[in-house]
Amino acid sequence: MATQTGEKYRDAPIIGSFISEDVSKLKYLRLLNLCHIRFEVLPDFIGTLRHLRYLDLAWNYSLKKIPESFCELQNLHMLNLRGCRKLKKLPNNIRKMISLRYLETPTQEEILPENGIGCLSSLQYLHLRDCSNLLRLCEGIQGLKSLRTLYLRNCSVISLPNTIKYLTKLEMLVIWDCPDINLKMELQGQDCDLRLSLKKFIIHGLESLVDLPEVLLQASPNTLKFMAIRACERLEALPEWFQNLTSLEELEIATCPKLSSLPEGTEHLTSLKELKITNCPALVRRCRHDGSKIAHIPMVHLI
């Protein structure tokens, strides 16, 4: 059973008690869409909807707080808080939401608490968006043992926790418009036996980036199929170990003005089917001059 109250109350300043008449008695509700409703505190009655599976609270610009009673929704699978930029933090007991699989949220915290998001062992998709204060993810991120997609967008994060290398089910990592992040993560001796499952690696608008995360990429040599590197203005070179990514099928490089050449050993990327280089003048000139490095690639786009 589903309901949508967003349209009904779109132009009204909403408080919790105002919508409780519509929703609180629907005890077996599975899906609830409360997008674009202007309340500051999520109504307490939502915590009584124990059968709720999907809750969409996106674009509630005034939302500042979610009550602790919300964490009683232990059957909730999806929580969307996109655009709730005034939300200070998630409830302290969010670790109790043991069935949560999809979470998109902002936060005003500087560091994610160890006993919060990092304890959501069923979480498969995590999107941290518009987190201007967030400097670090929790070091205990390895608790997200089911995580398949991690998406950081418009955050102030300065680095990834070292424990991210233990997320063995992670398939997609996207880091978008995080200007201060440093992704340098060198492969250490104890990491030689790491086997990760990363399939897609996408970075965009990382103004401080000078290195790629060796640990994550080199530990996924048999699974990594797609890589996109866009708008990384300080990136001057791809690492020599890049040639070890022998399962890579698509590589896209765009708007990296200081990148002037591909690394030696590119011919070892025998699975590479498509190479697209856009708005990288020096790199395009070099590839056109030394075509032998890319001669084995079936589709090459130099723009």
C-alpha atoms as a PDB file:
ATOM      1  CA  MET A   1       0.000   0.000   0.000  1.00  0.00           C
ATOM      2  CA  ALA A   2       1.420   3.429  -0.882  1.00  0.00           C
ATOM      3  CA  THR A   3       0.533   7.052  -0.410  1.00  0.00           C
ATOM      4  CA  GLN A   4       1.902  10.399  -1.562  1.00  0.00           C
ATOM      5  CA  THR A   5       1.178  13.528   0.460  1.00  0.00           C
ATOM      6  CA  GLY A   6       3.806  15.771  -1.110  1.00  0.00           C
ATOM      7  CA  GLU A   7       1.456  17.113  -3.773  1.00  0.00           C
ATOM      8  CA  LYS A   8      -1.341  17.764  -1.284  1.00  0.00           C
ATOM      9  CA  TYR A   9       0.812  19.819   1.072  1.00  0.00           C
ATOM     10  CA  ARG A  10       3.376  21.225  -1.360  1.00  0.00           C
ATOM     11  CA  ASP A  11       2.594  24.891  -0.591  1.00  0.00           C
ATOM     12  CA  ALA A  12       2.001  24.599   3.134  1.00  0.00           C
ATOM     13  CA  PRO A  13       4.493  24.815   6.019  1.00  0.00           C
ATOM     14  CA  ILE A  14       4.125  21.347   7.500  1.00  0.00           C
ATOM     15  CA  ILE A  15       4.587  20.153  11.071  1.00  0.00           C
ATOM     16  CA  GLY A  16       4.375  16.529  12.135  1.00  0.00           C
ATOM     17  CA  SER A  17       0.902  16.577  13.626  1.00  0.00           C
ATOM     18  CA  PHE A  18      -0.537  18.100  10.463  1.00  0.00           C
ATOM     19  CA  ILE A  19       0.029  15.042   8.279  1.00  0.00           C
ATOM     20  CA  SER A  20      -0.437  12.414  10.979  1.00  0.00           C
ATOM     21  CA  GLU A  21      -4.174  12.321  10.286  1.00  0.00           C
ATOM     22  CA  ASP A  22      -3.475  11.043   6.766  1.00  0.00           C
ATOM     23  CA  VAL A  23      -0.738   8.541   7.439  1.00  0.00           C
ATOM     24  CA  SER A  24      -0.350   7.411  11.059  1.00  0.00           C
ATOM     25  CA  LYS A  25      -3.241   4.960  11.005  1.00  0.00           C
ATOM     26  CA  LEU A  26      -1.957   3.145   7.905  1.00  0.00           C
ATOM     27  CA  LYS A  27      -0.147   0.531   9.967  1.00  0.00           C
ATOM     28  CA  TYR A  28       0.704  -1.759   7.038  1.00  0.00           C
ATOM     29  CA  LEU A  29       2.076   0.966   4.781  1.00  0.00           C
ATOM     30  CA  ARG A  30       5.016  -0.229   2.668  1.00  0.00           C
ATOM     31  CA  LEU A  31       5.932   2.876   0.638  1.00  0.00           C
ATOM     32  CA  LEU A  32       5.705   6.513   1.706  1.00  0.00           C
ATOM     33  CA  ASN A  33       6.649   9.518  -0.433  1.00  0.00           C
ATOM     34  CA  LEU A  34       6.958  12.799   1.485  1.00  0.00           C
ATOM     35  CA  CYS A  35       9.056  14.755  -1.038  1.00  0.00           C
ATOM     36  CA  HIS A  36       9.054  18.564  -1.049  1.00  0.00           C
ATOM     37  CA  ILE A  37       7.298  18.951   2.319  1.00  0.00           C
ATOM     38  CA  ARG A  38       8.570  21.755   4.520  1.00  0.00           C
ATOM     39  CA  PHE A  39       8.809  20.342   8.028  1.00  0.00           C
ATOM     40  CA  GLU A  40      11.825  20.874  10.290  1.00  0.00           C
ATOM     41  CA  VAL A  41      11.507  17.683  12.336  1.00  0.00           C
ATOM     42  CA  LEU A  42      10.334  14.366  10.962  1.00  0.00           C
ATOM     43  CA  PRO A  43       7.016  13.444  12.650  1.00  0.00           C
ATOM     44  CA  ASP A  44       7.289  10.858  15.430  1.00  0.00           C
ATOM     45  CA  PHE A  45       4.431   8.770  14.058  1.00  0.00           C
ATOM     46  CA  ILE A  46       6.609   7.537  11.168  1.00  0.00           C
ATOM     47  CA  GLY A  47       8.471   5.389  13.686  1.00  0.00           C
ATOM     48  CA  THR A  48       5.269   3.424  14.266  1.00  0.00           C
ATOM     49  CA  LEU A  49       4.980   2.319  10.627  1.00  0.00           C
ATOM     50  CA  ARG A  50       6.830  -0.931  11.293  1.00  0.00           C
ATOM     51  CA  HIS A  51       6.049  -2.462   7.890  1.00  0.00           C
ATOM     52  CA  LEU A  52       7.491   0.466   5.926  1.00  0.00           C
ATOM     53  CA  ARG A  53       9.989  -0.600   3.238  1.00  0.00           C
ATOM     54  CA  TYR A  54      10.565   2.565   1.176  1.00  0.00           C
ATOM     55  CA  LEU A  55      10.641   6.128   2.502  1.00  0.00           C
ATOM     56  CA  ASP A  56      11.352   9.089   0.220  1.00  0.00           C
ATOM     57  CA  LEU A  57      11.967  12.391   2.012  1.00  0.00           C
ATOM     58  CA  ALA A  58      13.906  14.085  -0.793  1.00  0.00           C
ATOM     59  CA  TRP A  59      14.025  17.868  -1.171  1.00  0.00           C
ATOM     60  CA  ASN A  60      12.684  18.696   2.266  1.00  0.00           C
ATOM     61  CA  TYR A  61      14.779  21.837   2.483  1.00  0.00           C
ATOM     62  CA  SER A  62      13.712  22.693   6.041  1.00  0.00           C
ATOM     63  CA  LEU A  63      14.329  19.276   7.590  1.00  0.00           C
ATOM     64  CA  LYS A  64      16.866  19.583  10.412  1.00  0.00           C
ATOM     65  CA  LYS A  65      16.246  16.561  12.599  1.00  0.00           C
ATOM     66  CA  ILE A  66      15.074  12.963  12.458  1.00  0.00           C
ATOM     67  CA  PRO A  67      13.854  11.627  15.832  1.00  0.00           C
ATOM     68  CA  GLU A  68      15.384   8.535  17.437  1.00  0.00           C
ATOM     69  CA  SER A  69      12.015   6.765  17.175  1.00  0.00           C
ATOM     70  CA  PHE A  70      12.626   6.606  13.435  1.00  0.00           C
ATOM     71  CA  CYS A  71      15.217   3.884  14.056  1.00  0.00           C
ATOM     72  CA  GLU A  72      12.427   1.476  15.018  1.00  0.00           C
ATOM     73  CA  LEU A  73      11.806   0.997  11.285  1.00  0.00           C
ATOM     74  CA  GLN A  74      13.822  -2.194  11.201  1.00  0.00           C
ATOM     75  CA  ASN A  75      12.152  -3.390   7.987  1.00  0.00           C
ATOM     76  CA  LEU A  76      13.053  -0.249   6.020  1.00  0.00           C
ATOM     77  CA  HIS A  77      15.001  -1.001   2.821  1.00  0.00           C
ATOM     78  CA  MET A  78      15.316   2.426   1.183  1.00  0.00           C
ATOM     79  CA  LEU A  79      15.759   5.914   2.659  1.00  0.00           C
ATOM     80  CA  ASN A  80      16.166   8.901   0.348  1.00  0.00           C
ATOM     81  CA  LEU A  81      17.156  12.222   1.933  1.00  0.00           C
ATOM     82  CA  ARG A  82      18.507  13.907  -1.190  1.00  0.00           C
ATOM     83  CA  GLY A  83      18.357  17.684  -0.996  1.00  0.00           C
ATOM     84  CA  CYS A  84      17.739  17.825   2.769  1.00  0.00           C
ATOM     85  CA  ARG A  85      20.715  20.134   3.169  1.00  0.00           C
ATOM     86  CA  LYS A  86      19.798  21.440   6.629  1.00  0.00           C
ATOM     87  CA  LEU A  87      19.786  17.956   8.138  1.00  0.00           C
ATOM     88  CA  LYS A  88      22.440  18.040  10.860  1.00  0.00           C
ATOM     89  CA  LYS A  89      22.952  14.308  11.219  1.00  0.00           C
ATOM     90  CA  LEU A  90      21.264  10.945  11.148  1.00  0.00           C
ATOM     91  CA  PRO A  91      19.828   9.523  14.385  1.00  0.00           C
ATOM     92  CA  ASN A  92      22.341   8.060  16.838  1.00  0.00           C
ATOM     93  CA  ASN A  93      20.687   4.642  16.709  1.00  0.00           C
ATOM     94  CA  ILE A  94      20.597   4.275  12.932  1.00  0.00           C
ATOM     95  CA  ARG A  95      22.690   1.127  13.399  1.00  0.00           C
ATOM     96  CA  LYS A  96      19.443  -0.541  14.546  1.00  0.00           C
ATOM     97  CA  MET A  97      18.053  -0.282  10.995  1.00  0.00           C
ATOM     98  CA  ILE A  98      19.389  -3.698  10.098  1.00  0.00           C
ATOM     99  CA  SER A  99      17.458  -4.093   6.833  1.00  0.00           C
ATOM    100  CA  LEU A 100      18.505  -0.786   5.221  1.00  0.00           C
ATOM    101  CA  ARG A 101      19.935  -1.388   1.739  1.00  0.00           C
ATOM    102  CA  TYR A 102      19.778   2.032   0.067  1.00  0.00           C
ATOM    103  CA  LEU A 103      20.720   5.314   1.719  1.00  0.00           C
ATOM    104  CA  GLU A 104      21.139   8.731   0.123  1.00  0.00           C
ATOM    105  CA  THR A 105      21.789  11.504   2.617  1.00  0.00           C
ATOM    106  CA  PRO A 106      23.589  14.749   3.396  1.00  0.00           C
ATOM    107  CA  THR A 107      25.086  15.463   6.803  1.00  0.00           C
ATOM    108  CA  GLN A 108      26.591  18.443   8.610  1.00  0.00           C
ATOM    109  CA  GLU A 109      28.979  16.250  10.598  1.00  0.00           C
ATOM    110  CA  GLU A 110      32.741  16.435  10.066  1.00  0.00           C
ATOM    111  CA  ILE A 111      33.328  12.725  10.637  1.00  0.00           C
ATOM    112  CA  LEU A 112      30.808   9.914  10.296  1.00  0.00           C
ATOM    113  CA  PRO A 113      30.423   8.243  13.712  1.00  0.00           C
ATOM    114  CA  GLU A 114      31.891   4.751  14.056  1.00  0.00           C
ATOM    115  CA  ASN A 115      28.682   3.315  15.511  1.00  0.00           C
ATOM    116  CA  GLY A 116      26.386   4.863  12.910  1.00  0.00           C
ATOM    117  CA  ILE A 117      26.347   4.274   9.155  1.00  0.00           C
ATOM    118  CA  GLY A 118      29.383   2.004   9.445  1.00  0.00           C
ATOM    119  CA  CYS A 119      27.267  -0.586  11.273  1.00  0.00           C
ATOM    120  CA  LEU A 120      24.677  -1.015   8.498  1.00  0.00           C
ATOM    121  CA  SER A 121      25.775  -4.469   7.409  1.00  0.00           C
ATOM    122  CA  SER A 122      22.901  -4.867   4.882  1.00  0.00           C
ATOM    123  CA  LEU A 123      23.579  -1.554   3.113  1.00  0.00           C
ATOM    124  CA  GLN A 124      24.280  -2.000  -0.597  1.00  0.00           C
ATOM    125  CA  TYR A 125      24.099   1.604  -1.883  1.00  0.00           C
ATOM    126  CA  LEU A 126      25.452   4.643  -0.033  1.00  0.00           C
ATOM    127  CA  HIS A 127      25.289   8.125  -1.554  1.00  0.00           C
ATOM    128  CA  LEU A 128      26.723  10.954   0.553  1.00  0.00           C
ATOM    129  CA  ARG A 129      25.751  14.191  -1.162  1.00  0.00           C
ATOM    130  CA  ASP A 130      26.181  17.898  -0.359  1.00  0.00           C
ATOM    131  CA  CYS A 131      28.215  17.316   2.792  1.00  0.00           C
ATOM    132  CA  SER A 132      30.181  20.560   2.954  1.00  0.00           C
ATOM    133  CA  ASN A 133      31.504  19.859   6.483  1.00  0.00           C
ATOM    134  CA  LEU A 134      32.341  16.194   6.020  1.00  0.00           C
ATOM    135  CA  LEU A 135      36.105  15.661   6.153  1.00  0.00           C
ATOM    136  CA  ARG A 136      36.296  11.924   6.761  1.00  0.00           C
ATOM    137  CA  LEU A 137      34.258   8.773   6.535  1.00  0.00           C
ATOM    138  CA  CYS A 138      34.375   6.497   9.542  1.00  0.00           C
ATOM    139  CA  GLU A 139      37.462   4.271   9.845  1.00  0.00           C
ATOM    140  CA  GLY A 140      35.129   1.386  10.640  1.00  0.00           C
ATOM    141  CA  ILE A 141      33.677   1.465   7.140  1.00  0.00           C
ATOM    142  CA  GLN A 142      34.569  -2.222   6.723  1.00  0.00           C
ATOM    143  CA  GLY A 143      31.359  -2.893   8.662  1.00  0.00           C
ATOM    144  CA  LEU A 144      29.497  -2.164   5.406  1.00  0.00           C
ATOM    145  CA  LYS A 145      30.200  -5.705   4.267  1.00  0.00           C
ATOM    146  CA  SER A 146      27.321  -5.759   1.737  1.00  0.00           C
ATOM    147  CA  LEU A 147      28.141  -2.390   0.113  1.00  0.00           C
ATOM    148  CA  ARG A 148      28.177  -2.494  -3.696  1.00  0.00           C
ATOM    149  CA  THR A 149      28.048   1.226  -4.600  1.00  0.00           C
ATOM    150  CA  LEU A 150      29.704   4.162  -2.839  1.00  0.00           C
ATOM    151  CA  TYR A 151      28.961   7.614  -4.230  1.00  0.00           C
ATOM    152  CA  LEU A 152      30.494  10.798  -2.811  1.00  0.00           C
ATOM    153  CA  ARG A 153      29.213  14.017  -4.382  1.00  0.00           C
ATOM    154  CA  ASN A 154      29.959  17.613  -3.458  1.00  0.00           C
ATOM    155  CA  CYS A 155      31.684  16.700  -0.203  1.00  0.00           C
ATOM    156  CA  SER A 156      34.719  18.144   1.604  1.00  0.00           C
ATOM    157  CA  VAL A 157      36.210  14.706   2.257  1.00  0.00           C
ATOM    158  CA  ILE A 158      40.018  14.861   2.213  1.00  0.00           C
ATOM    159  CA  SER A 159      40.759  11.136   1.963  1.00  0.00           C
ATOM    160  CA  LEU A 160      39.224   7.684   1.987  1.00  0.00           C
ATOM    161  CA  PRO A 161      39.680   5.519   5.095  1.00  0.00           C
ATOM    162  CA  ASN A 162      42.290   2.810   4.720  1.00  0.00           C
ATOM    163  CA  THR A 163      39.687   0.230   5.760  1.00  0.00           C
ATOM    164  CA  ILE A 164      37.802   0.765   2.496  1.00  0.00           C
ATOM    165  CA  LYS A 165      40.087  -1.889   1.045  1.00  0.00           C
ATOM    166  CA  TYR A 166      38.171  -4.499   3.053  1.00  0.00           C
ATOM    167  CA  LEU A 167      34.878  -3.822   1.228  1.00  0.00           C
ATOM    168  CA  THR A 168      35.184  -6.940  -0.882  1.00  0.00           C
ATOM    169  CA  LYS A 169      31.741  -6.572  -2.500  1.00  0.00           C
ATOM    170  CA  LEU A 170      32.223  -2.961  -3.633  1.00  0.00           C
ATOM    171  CA  GLU A 171      31.554  -2.826  -7.378  1.00  0.00           C
ATOM    172  CA  MET A 172      31.164   0.895  -8.109  1.00  0.00           C
ATOM    173  CA  LEU A 173      33.030   3.873  -6.665  1.00  0.00           C
ATOM    174  CA  VAL A 174      32.032   7.372  -7.812  1.00  0.00           C
ATOM    175  CA  ILE A 175      33.649  10.525  -6.422  1.00  0.00           C
ATOM    176  CA  TRP A 176      32.191  13.695  -7.923  1.00  0.00           C
ATOM    177  CA  ASP A 177      33.077  17.325  -7.177  1.00  0.00           C
ATOM    178  CA  CYS A 178      35.125  16.667  -4.049  1.00  0.00           C
ATOM    179  CA  PRO A 179      37.868  19.255  -4.626  1.00  0.00           C
ATOM    180  CA  ASP A 180      39.999  18.512  -1.543  1.00  0.00           C
ATOM    181  CA  ILE A 181      40.256  14.736  -1.725  1.00  0.00           C
ATOM    182  CA  ASN A 182      43.565  12.921  -1.990  1.00  0.00           C
ATOM    183  CA  LEU A 183      43.155   9.373  -3.278  1.00  0.00           C
ATOM    184  CA  LYS A 184      46.736   8.233  -2.808  1.00  0.00           C
ATOM    185  CA  MET A 185      46.555   4.714  -1.380  1.00  0.00           C
ATOM    186  CA  GLU A 186      49.724   2.787  -2.089  1.00  0.00           C
ATOM    187  CA  LEU A 187      49.825  -0.994  -2.210  1.00  0.00           C
ATOM    188  CA  GLN A 188      51.641  -2.320   0.857  1.00  0.00           C
ATOM    189  CA  GLY A 189      53.190  -5.753   1.332  1.00  0.00           C
ATOM    190  CA  GLN A 190      50.266  -6.992   3.405  1.00  0.00           C
ATOM    191  CA  ASP A 191      47.883  -5.978   0.616  1.00  0.00           C
ATOM    192  CA  CYS A 192      49.305  -8.328  -1.998  1.00  0.00           C
ATOM    193  CA  ASP A 193      46.642 -10.965  -1.342  1.00  0.00           C
ATOM    194  CA  LEU A 194      43.728  -8.516  -1.481  1.00  0.00           C
ATOM    195  CA  ARG A 195      40.985  -9.508  -3.924  1.00  0.00           C
ATOM    196  CA  LEU A 196      38.377  -6.830  -4.530  1.00  0.00           C
ATOM    197  CA  SER A 197      35.400  -6.695  -6.918  1.00  0.00           C
ATOM    198  CA  LEU A 198      35.463  -3.127  -8.240  1.00  0.00           C
ATOM    199  CA  LYS A 199      33.866  -2.910 -11.707  1.00  0.00           C
ATOM    200  CA  LYS A 200      33.410   0.850 -12.235  1.00  0.00           C
ATOM    201  CA  PHE A 201      35.629   3.688 -11.047  1.00  0.00           C
ATOM    202  CA  ILE A 202      34.479   7.240 -11.855  1.00  0.00           C
ATOM    203  CA  ILE A 203      36.054  10.484 -10.655  1.00  0.00           C
ATOM    204  CA  HIS A 204      35.026  13.999 -11.664  1.00  0.00           C
ATOM    205  CA  GLY A 205      36.051  17.452 -10.493  1.00  0.00           C
ATOM    206  CA  LEU A 206      38.800  16.394  -8.068  1.00  0.00           C
ATOM    207  CA  GLU A 207      40.869  19.564  -8.157  1.00  0.00           C
ATOM    208  CA  SER A 208      43.577  18.305  -5.772  1.00  0.00           C
ATOM    209  CA  LEU A 209      43.989  14.853  -7.292  1.00  0.00           C
ATOM    210  CA  VAL A 210      47.513  13.828  -8.284  1.00  0.00           C
ATOM    211  CA  ASP A 211      47.342  10.057  -7.651  1.00  0.00           C
ATOM    212  CA  LEU A 212      44.923   7.187  -8.203  1.00  0.00           C
ATOM    213  CA  PRO A 213      44.076   4.712  -5.393  1.00  0.00           C
ATOM    214  CA  GLU A 214      46.504   1.905  -6.174  1.00  0.00           C
ATOM    215  CA  VAL A 215      45.153  -0.434  -3.504  1.00  0.00           C
ATOM    216  CA  LEU A 216      41.571  -0.389  -4.796  1.00  0.00           C
ATOM    217  CA  LEU A 217      42.413  -0.586  -8.504  1.00  0.00           C
ATOM    218  CA  GLN A 218      45.301  -3.057  -8.429  1.00  0.00           C
ATOM    219  CA  ALA A 219      43.312  -5.367  -6.153  1.00  0.00           C
ATOM    220  CA  SER A 220      40.528  -5.503  -8.792  1.00  0.00           C
ATOM    221  CA  PRO A 221      42.505  -6.598 -11.888  1.00  0.00           C
ATOM    222  CA  ASN A 222      40.016  -9.277 -12.914  1.00  0.00           C
ATOM    223  CA  THR A 223      36.832  -7.246 -12.436  1.00  0.00           C
ATOM    224  CA  LEU A 224      37.527  -3.580 -13.299  1.00  0.00           C
ATOM    225  CA  LYS A 225      35.786  -2.907 -16.635  1.00  0.00           C
ATOM    226  CA  PHE A 226      35.131   0.839 -16.781  1.00  0.00           C
ATOM    227  CA  MET A 227      37.106   3.896 -15.675  1.00  0.00           C
ATOM    228  CA  ALA A 228      36.365   7.576 -16.172  1.00  0.00           C
ATOM    229  CA  ILE A 229      38.722  10.366 -15.117  1.00  0.00           C
ATOM    230  CA  ARG A 230      37.209  13.793 -15.694  1.00  0.00           C
ATOM    231  CA  ALA A 231      38.063  17.387 -14.735  1.00  0.00           C
ATOM    232  CA  CYS A 232      41.121  16.523 -12.643  1.00  0.00           C
ATOM    233  CA  GLU A 233      43.190  19.598 -13.415  1.00  0.00           C
ATOM    234  CA  ARG A 234      46.322  18.695 -11.408  1.00  0.00           C
ATOM    235  CA  LEU A 235      46.687  15.127 -12.633  1.00  0.00           C
ATOM    236  CA  GLU A 236      49.926  15.008 -14.631  1.00  0.00           C
ATOM    237  CA  ALA A 237      50.458  11.290 -15.232  1.00  0.00           C
ATOM    238  CA  LEU A 238      48.848   7.904 -14.946  1.00  0.00           C
ATOM    239  CA  PRO A 239      50.877   5.449 -12.839  1.00  0.00           C
ATOM    240  CA  GLU A 240      53.068   2.764 -14.385  1.00  0.00           C
ATOM    241  CA  TRP A 241      51.027   0.070 -12.652  1.00  0.00           C
ATOM    242  CA  PHE A 242      48.080   1.134 -14.815  1.00  0.00           C
ATOM    243  CA  GLN A 243      49.173  -1.517 -17.319  1.00  0.00           C
ATOM    244  CA  ASN A 244      48.185  -4.202 -14.779  1.00  0.00           C
ATOM    245  CA  LEU A 245      44.465  -3.413 -15.157  1.00  0.00           C
ATOM    246  CA  THR A 246      44.131  -6.070 -17.811  1.00  0.00           C
ATOM    247  CA  SER A 247      40.337  -6.452 -17.558  1.00  0.00           C
ATOM    248  CA  LEU A 248      39.688  -2.792 -18.346  1.00  0.00           C
ATOM    249  CA  GLU A 249      37.330  -2.480 -21.339  1.00  0.00           C
ATOM    250  CA  GLU A 250      36.460   1.243 -21.426  1.00  0.00           C
ATOM    251  CA  LEU A 251      38.631   4.200 -20.462  1.00  0.00           C
ATOM    252  CA  GLU A 252      37.437   7.799 -20.604  1.00  0.00           C
ATOM    253  CA  ILE A 253      39.695  10.775 -19.884  1.00  0.00           C
ATOM    254  CA  ALA A 254      38.291  14.305 -20.113  1.00  0.00           C
ATOM    255  CA  THR A 255      39.447  17.816 -19.185  1.00  0.00           C
ATOM    256  CA  CYS A 256      42.768  16.861 -17.627  1.00  0.00           C
ATOM    257  CA  PRO A 257      44.947  19.610 -19.144  1.00  0.00           C
ATOM    258  CA  LYS A 258      48.231  18.584 -17.466  1.00  0.00           C
ATOM    259  CA  LEU A 259      47.993  14.943 -18.513  1.00  0.00           C
ATOM    260  CA  SER A 260      50.338  14.639 -21.484  1.00  0.00           C
ATOM    261  CA  SER A 261      50.885  10.932 -22.108  1.00  0.00           C
ATOM    262  CA  LEU A 262      49.646   7.436 -21.442  1.00  0.00           C
ATOM    263  CA  PRO A 263      51.892   5.222 -19.302  1.00  0.00           C
ATOM    264  CA  GLU A 264      54.305   2.682 -20.774  1.00  0.00           C
ATOM    265  CA  GLY A 265      52.840  -0.767 -21.219  1.00  0.00           C
ATOM    266  CA  THR A 266      49.464   0.379 -22.519  1.00  0.00           C
ATOM    267  CA  GLU A 267      49.649  -2.433 -25.066  1.00  0.00           C
ATOM    268  CA  HIS A 268      49.177  -4.870 -22.158  1.00  0.00           C
ATOM    269  CA  LEU A 269      45.598  -3.623 -21.750  1.00  0.00           C
ATOM    270  CA  THR A 270      44.422  -6.303 -24.134  1.00  0.00           C
ATOM    271  CA  SER A 271      40.768  -6.131 -23.032  1.00  0.00           C
ATOM    272  CA  LEU A 272      40.490  -2.404 -23.781  1.00  0.00           C
ATOM    273  CA  LYS A 273      37.788  -1.941 -26.411  1.00  0.00           C
ATOM    274  CA  GLU A 274      37.180   1.803 -26.255  1.00  0.00           C
ATOM    275  CA  LEU A 275      39.366   4.791 -25.404  1.00  0.00           C
ATOM    276  CA  LYS A 276      37.859   8.269 -25.310  1.00  0.00           C
ATOM    277  CA  ILE A 277      40.011  11.339 -24.693  1.00  0.00           C
ATOM    278  CA  THR A 278      38.245  14.711 -24.665  1.00  0.00           C
ATOM    279  CA  ASN A 279      39.528  18.218 -23.992  1.00  0.00           C
ATOM    280  CA  CYS A 280      43.062  17.065 -23.131  1.00  0.00           C
ATOM    281  CA  PRO A 281      45.098  18.846 -25.831  1.00  0.00           C
ATOM    282  CA  ALA A 282      48.563  17.599 -24.859  1.00  0.00           C
ATOM    283  CA  LEU A 283      47.394  14.017 -24.462  1.00  0.00           C
ATOM    284  CA  VAL A 284      45.505  14.034 -27.764  1.00  0.00           C
ATOM    285  CA  ARG A 285      48.594  15.356 -29.597  1.00  0.00           C
ATOM    286  CA  ARG A 286      50.790  12.688 -28.034  1.00  0.00           C
ATOM    287  CA  CYS A 287      48.400   9.865 -28.910  1.00  0.00           C
ATOM    288  CA  ARG A 288      48.161  11.046 -32.498  1.00  0.00           C
ATOM    289  CA  HIS A 289      51.927  11.313 -32.757  1.00  0.00           C
ATOM    290  CA  ASP A 290      52.643   7.929 -31.169  1.00  0.00           C
ATOM    291  CA  GLY A 291      49.778   5.798 -32.419  1.00  0.00           C
ATOM    292  CA  SER A 292      51.527   2.531 -31.609  1.00  0.00           C
ATOM    293  CA  LYS A 293      50.419   2.739 -27.975  1.00  0.00           C
ATOM    294  CA  ILE A 294      46.760   2.689 -28.903  1.00  0.00           C
ATOM    295  CA  ALA A 295      46.846   0.723 -32.158  1.00  0.00           C
ATOM    296  CA  HIS A 296      45.410  -2.382 -30.483  1.00  0.00           C
ATOM    297  CA  ILE A 297      42.268  -0.577 -29.251  1.00  0.00           C
ATOM    298  CA  PRO A 298      39.248  -1.150 -31.570  1.00  0.00           C
ATOM    299  CA  MET A 299      37.535   2.200 -30.853  1.00  0.00           C
ATOM    300  CA  VAL A 300      39.518   5.377 -30.177  1.00  0.00           C
ATOM    301  CA  HIS A 301      37.953   8.835 -29.879  1.00  0.00           C
ATOM    302  CA  LEU A 302      40.385  11.769 -29.677  1.00  0.00           C
ATOM    303  CA  ILE A 303      38.532  15.085 -29.398  1.00  0.00           C
END
